[in-house]
Amino acid sequence: MAEADSGGIRIEAASYAVAGREILSGIDLVLTERRIGIVGQNGSGKTTLLRLMAGLIAPTAGRVTVAGADPADRRAMLSRIGILFQNPDHQILFPTVAEELAFGLRQQGLTKAQAEARVAARLAEEGRADWAGRSTHALSQGQRQYLCLLAVLMMGPGTLLLDEPFAALDLPTQARLARRLDALPQRLITISHDPRAVAACRRVIWLEAGRVVADGPPDTVLPGFEAEMGRIGAAEEC
């Protein structure tokens, strides 16, 4: 795991607005725990917060740093933070598995030969040596998600951001992915609307309307979140 893990993620008075509409407002968080969950209903600002941490967008106010670096520094972020999107088709860029896995390594400065050797070795370790020349689009949904995870891990980031990682998977594939994620040494920050996805985290943050409503252990945050979601659901039926 990269040296970039030290210090975690610092979000200082961060806000984000589009066309005058504030999506996040005054977020102050220091994220250092090994397993962190972020929950909220759709439109609460969860994905926007993830994009700020990943450096995909910049705060319109405040500051975000990842292990002391600006997440807009894409080269520095390769070894600090990785992201796994809900839909692997939004993440896969190349036609073959080997090309997809080599891309991040080339961005880190490895030669083509070095990247190819490392990819071949990693696929062999995974028992997937025959995948190298396989078409990425011929893989199943679960296999594509696995490929995306492997591509991120190839770069050795200290933190992984997981955006609804189980939402599009069937139950057996969810179980396999959960076991793989649980065994990782990296810090995992899981964003979900489903409290079950973050119940085993050490810390859970509840976002609502772009603000932090609660922040603490899951057994203190999730009951209130579930009760509020139940209340909203009941009100919408009326």
Protein backbone atom coordinates (compact mmCIF):
# COMPACT_ATOMS: atom_id res chain seq x y z
CA MET A 1 0.00 0.00 0.00
CA ALA A 2 1.29 3.43 -0.89
CA GLU A 3 2.90 5.83 1.53
CA ALA A 4 0.07 8.15 0.62
CA ASP A 5 -2.20 6.50 3.21
CA SER A 6 -0.74 8.55 6.06
CA GLY A 7 -2.91 11.48 7.07
CA GLY A 8 -6.14 10.28 5.49
CA ILE A 9 -8.54 12.69 3.81
CA ARG A 10 -9.17 16.18 5.19
CA ILE A 11 -12.25 18.13 4.12
CA GLU A 12 -12.21 21.67 5.48
CA ALA A 13 -15.31 23.90 5.23
CA ALA A 14 -15.94 22.47 1.76
CA SER A 15 -18.96 23.48 -0.26
CA TYR A 16 -19.96 22.78 -3.83
CA ALA A 17 -22.53 24.66 -5.89
CA VAL A 18 -23.72 24.50 -9.50
CA ALA A 19 -25.55 27.41 -11.13
CA GLY A 20 -26.10 28.97 -7.72
CA ARG A 21 -27.59 25.79 -6.22
CA GLU A 22 -25.60 24.50 -3.25
CA ILE A 23 -25.18 20.71 -3.27
CA LEU A 24 -22.71 20.49 -0.37
CA SER A 25 -22.45 23.06 2.37
CA GLY A 26 -19.66 23.57 4.92
CA ILE A 27 -18.44 19.97 5.16
CA ASP A 28 -15.73 19.46 7.82
CA LEU A 29 -14.40 15.90 8.07
CA VAL A 30 -11.12 14.15 8.82
CA LEU A 31 -11.31 10.59 7.48
CA THR A 32 -8.67 8.29 8.92
CA GLU A 33 -10.55 5.14 9.99
CA ARG A 34 -9.95 1.94 8.02
CA ARG A 35 -13.65 1.40 7.21
CA ILE A 36 -15.97 4.36 6.73
CA GLY A 37 -19.52 4.46 5.39
CA ILE A 38 -21.40 7.45 4.00
CA VAL A 39 -25.19 7.15 3.80
CA GLY A 40 -28.00 9.34 2.60
CA GLN A 41 -31.02 9.24 0.36
CA ASN A 42 -30.74 10.04 -3.35
CA GLY A 43 -29.85 13.69 -3.83
CA SER A 44 -28.26 14.05 -0.39
CA GLY A 45 -24.81 14.91 -1.82
CA LYS A 46 -23.09 11.54 -1.31
CA THR A 47 -21.78 11.15 -4.86
CA THR A 48 -20.77 14.80 -5.03
CA LEU A 49 -18.72 14.33 -1.86
CA LEU A 50 -17.09 11.25 -3.36
CA ARG A 51 -16.21 13.20 -6.50
CA LEU A 52 -14.63 15.95 -4.37
CA MET A 53 -12.48 13.40 -2.54
CA ALA A 54 -11.45 11.78 -5.82
CA GLY A 55 -10.50 15.11 -7.39
CA LEU A 56 -13.07 14.74 -10.18
CA ILE A 57 -14.52 18.12 -9.20
CA ALA A 58 -13.12 20.97 -7.09
CA PRO A 59 -14.94 22.56 -4.14
CA THR A 60 -16.40 25.98 -4.83
CA ALA A 61 -15.37 26.90 -1.28
CA GLY A 62 -13.11 25.29 1.27
CA ARG A 63 -10.38 22.71 0.77
CA VAL A 64 -9.87 18.97 0.30
CA THR A 65 -6.55 17.14 0.72
CA VAL A 66 -5.69 13.47 0.38
CA ALA A 67 -2.63 12.49 2.44
CA GLY A 68 -1.57 16.13 2.24
CA ALA A 69 -1.94 16.44 -1.54
CA ASP A 70 -4.47 18.29 -3.66
CA PRO A 71 -6.75 15.68 -5.29
CA ALA A 72 -6.61 17.73 -8.51
CA ASP A 73 -3.01 16.49 -8.87
CA ARG A 74 -3.94 13.41 -10.85
CA ARG A 75 -0.45 11.90 -10.91
CA ALA A 76 -0.11 12.17 -7.13
CA MET A 77 -3.58 10.66 -6.65
CA LEU A 78 -2.74 7.48 -8.60
CA SER A 79 -0.91 6.12 -5.56
CA ARG A 80 -3.17 7.75 -2.98
CA ILE A 81 -6.76 7.12 -3.94
CA GLY A 82 -8.76 4.81 -6.20
CA ILE A 83 -12.43 4.77 -7.06
CA LEU A 84 -14.82 1.95 -7.90
CA PHE A 85 -17.98 3.16 -9.58
CA GLN A 86 -21.38 1.49 -9.40
CA ASN A 87 -21.38 0.81 -13.15
CA PRO A 88 -18.09 -0.69 -14.43
CA ASP A 89 -18.97 0.40 -17.96
CA HIS A 90 -18.41 3.99 -16.81
CA GLN A 91 -14.88 3.05 -15.79
CA ILE A 92 -13.51 0.61 -18.38
CA LEU A 93 -11.62 2.35 -21.19
CA PHE A 94 -9.80 -0.33 -23.16
CA PRO A 95 -10.84 -3.29 -25.33
CA THR A 96 -8.76 -5.97 -23.58
CA VAL A 97 -8.18 -6.90 -19.96
CA ALA A 98 -4.40 -6.50 -20.18
CA GLU A 99 -4.67 -3.01 -21.68
CA GLU A 100 -7.13 -1.96 -18.99
CA LEU A 101 -4.87 -3.17 -16.20
CA ALA A 102 -1.73 -1.63 -17.71
CA PHE A 103 -3.17 1.86 -18.17
CA GLY A 104 -2.75 3.10 -14.60
CA LEU A 105 0.74 1.63 -14.38
CA ARG A 106 1.78 3.51 -17.51
CA GLN A 107 0.38 6.68 -15.94
CA GLN A 108 2.61 6.01 -12.93
CA GLY A 109 5.67 6.01 -15.19
CA LEU A 110 6.27 2.33 -15.93
CA THR A 111 7.42 1.41 -19.41
CA LYS A 112 5.13 -0.64 -21.62
CA ALA A 113 7.25 -3.75 -21.00
CA GLN A 114 7.29 -3.18 -17.23
CA ALA A 115 3.52 -2.66 -17.13
CA GLU A 116 2.85 -5.73 -19.24
CA ALA A 117 5.09 -7.88 -17.02
CA ARG A 118 3.38 -6.66 -13.88
CA VAL A 119 -0.07 -7.26 -15.37
CA ALA A 120 0.87 -10.79 -16.42
CA ALA A 121 2.21 -11.55 -12.95
CA ARG A 122 -0.89 -10.17 -11.24
CA LEU A 123 -3.28 -12.10 -13.46
CA ALA A 124 -1.32 -15.27 -12.77
CA GLU A 125 -1.54 -14.60 -9.01
CA GLU A 126 -5.30 -14.18 -9.38
CA GLY A 127 -5.61 -17.43 -11.35
CA ARG A 128 -6.72 -15.41 -14.38
CA ALA A 129 -3.70 -15.68 -16.69
CA ASP A 130 -6.01 -16.56 -19.57
CA TRP A 131 -7.81 -13.22 -19.20
CA ALA A 132 -5.00 -11.06 -20.64
CA GLY A 133 -6.28 -10.92 -24.20
CA ARG A 134 -9.96 -11.27 -23.34
CA SER A 135 -12.36 -8.57 -24.47
CA THR A 136 -13.48 -6.41 -21.56
CA HIS A 137 -17.00 -6.22 -22.99
CA ALA A 138 -17.27 -10.02 -23.17
CA LEU A 139 -17.01 -10.22 -19.38
CA SER A 140 -20.06 -10.54 -17.17
CA GLN A 141 -21.19 -7.62 -14.99
CA GLY A 142 -19.51 -9.14 -11.95
CA GLN A 143 -16.32 -9.87 -13.88
CA ARG A 144 -16.17 -6.28 -15.15
CA GLN A 145 -16.59 -4.99 -11.60
CA TYR A 146 -13.80 -7.33 -10.50
CA LEU A 147 -11.60 -6.05 -13.36
CA CYS A 148 -12.18 -2.45 -12.28
CA LEU A 149 -11.22 -3.30 -8.71
CA LEU A 150 -8.10 -5.11 -9.89
CA ALA A 151 -7.11 -2.16 -12.10
CA VAL A 152 -7.37 0.18 -9.11
CA LEU A 153 -5.44 -2.16 -6.82
CA MET A 154 -2.63 -2.47 -9.37
CA MET A 155 -1.66 1.12 -8.52
CA GLY A 156 -1.47 0.50 -4.76
CA PRO A 157 -3.67 3.36 -3.49
CA GLY A 158 -3.98 3.92 0.24
CA THR A 159 -7.72 4.63 0.05
CA LEU A 160 -10.52 3.19 -2.08
CA LEU A 161 -13.75 5.07 -2.68
CA LEU A 162 -16.66 2.72 -3.37
CA ASP A 163 -19.77 4.19 -4.98
CA GLU A 164 -22.71 1.81 -4.37
CA PRO A 165 -20.40 -1.14 -5.18
CA PHE A 166 -23.06 -3.85 -4.76
CA ALA A 167 -26.07 -2.16 -6.37
CA ALA A 168 -25.88 -3.75 -9.83
CA LEU A 169 -24.71 -7.22 -8.74
CA ASP A 170 -26.64 -10.40 -7.98
CA LEU A 171 -26.42 -11.84 -4.46
CA PRO A 172 -23.63 -14.44 -5.06
CA THR A 173 -21.49 -11.81 -6.80
CA GLN A 174 -22.17 -9.34 -3.99
CA ALA A 175 -20.95 -11.93 -1.48
CA ARG A 176 -17.75 -12.60 -3.45
CA LEU A 177 -17.00 -8.90 -3.84
CA ALA A 178 -17.72 -8.25 -0.13
CA ARG A 179 -15.23 -10.96 0.90
CA ARG A 180 -12.58 -9.50 -1.39
CA LEU A 181 -13.11 -5.97 -0.09
CA ASP A 182 -13.13 -7.08 3.55
CA ALA A 183 -9.68 -8.63 3.13
CA LEU A 184 -8.05 -5.49 1.68
CA PRO A 185 -5.59 -3.51 3.82
CA GLN A 186 -6.62 -0.20 2.24
CA ARG A 187 -8.92 2.32 3.81
CA LEU A 188 -12.38 1.81 2.30
CA ILE A 189 -14.94 4.60 2.10
CA THR A 190 -18.27 3.12 1.01
CA ILE A 191 -21.06 5.37 -0.23
CA SER A 192 -24.54 3.86 -0.20
CA HIS A 193 -28.22 4.51 0.42
CA ASP A 194 -28.44 1.00 1.91
CA PRO A 195 -27.53 0.82 5.61
CA ARG A 196 -26.65 -2.87 5.26
CA ALA A 197 -23.72 -1.95 3.01
CA VAL A 198 -22.05 0.08 5.77
CA ALA A 199 -23.22 -1.72 8.93
CA ALA A 200 -19.78 -3.26 9.53
CA CYS A 201 -17.90 0.03 9.13
CA ARG A 202 -16.15 1.57 12.10
CA ARG A 203 -17.60 5.00 11.32
CA VAL A 204 -20.73 6.09 9.46
CA ILE A 205 -21.52 9.60 8.22
CA TRP A 206 -25.11 10.54 7.37
CA LEU A 207 -25.55 13.25 4.76
CA GLU A 208 -28.81 15.04 4.11
CA ALA A 209 -29.34 18.06 1.84
CA GLY A 210 -25.60 18.48 1.51
CA ARG A 211 -24.87 18.63 5.24
CA VAL A 212 -23.66 16.16 7.85
CA VAL A 213 -26.63 15.10 10.00
CA ALA A 214 -24.80 12.52 12.13
CA ASP A 215 -21.30 11.08 12.38
CA GLY A 216 -20.26 8.19 14.60
CA PRO A 217 -20.35 4.40 15.06
CA PRO A 218 -22.94 2.59 12.94
CA ASP A 219 -25.04 1.54 15.94
CA THR A 220 -25.56 5.19 16.85
CA VAL A 221 -26.03 6.63 13.33
CA LEU A 222 -27.91 3.96 11.37
CA PRO A 223 -31.01 3.57 13.60
CA GLY A 224 -31.80 7.27 13.17
CA PHE A 225 -31.12 7.11 9.44
CA GLU A 226 -33.36 4.08 8.97
CA ALA A 227 -36.12 5.63 11.06
CA GLU A 228 -35.99 8.83 8.99
CA MET A 229 -36.03 6.91 5.70
CA GLY A 230 -39.02 4.93 6.97
CA ARG A 231 -40.79 8.16 7.93
CA ILE A 232 -40.15 9.67 4.50
CA GLY A 233 -41.34 6.50 2.78
CA ALA A 234 -44.56 6.44 4.82
CA ALA A 235 -45.21 10.12 4.15
CA GLU A 236 -44.82 9.62 0.38
CA GLU A 237 -47.54 6.96 0.44
CA CYS A 238 -50.09 9.42 1.80
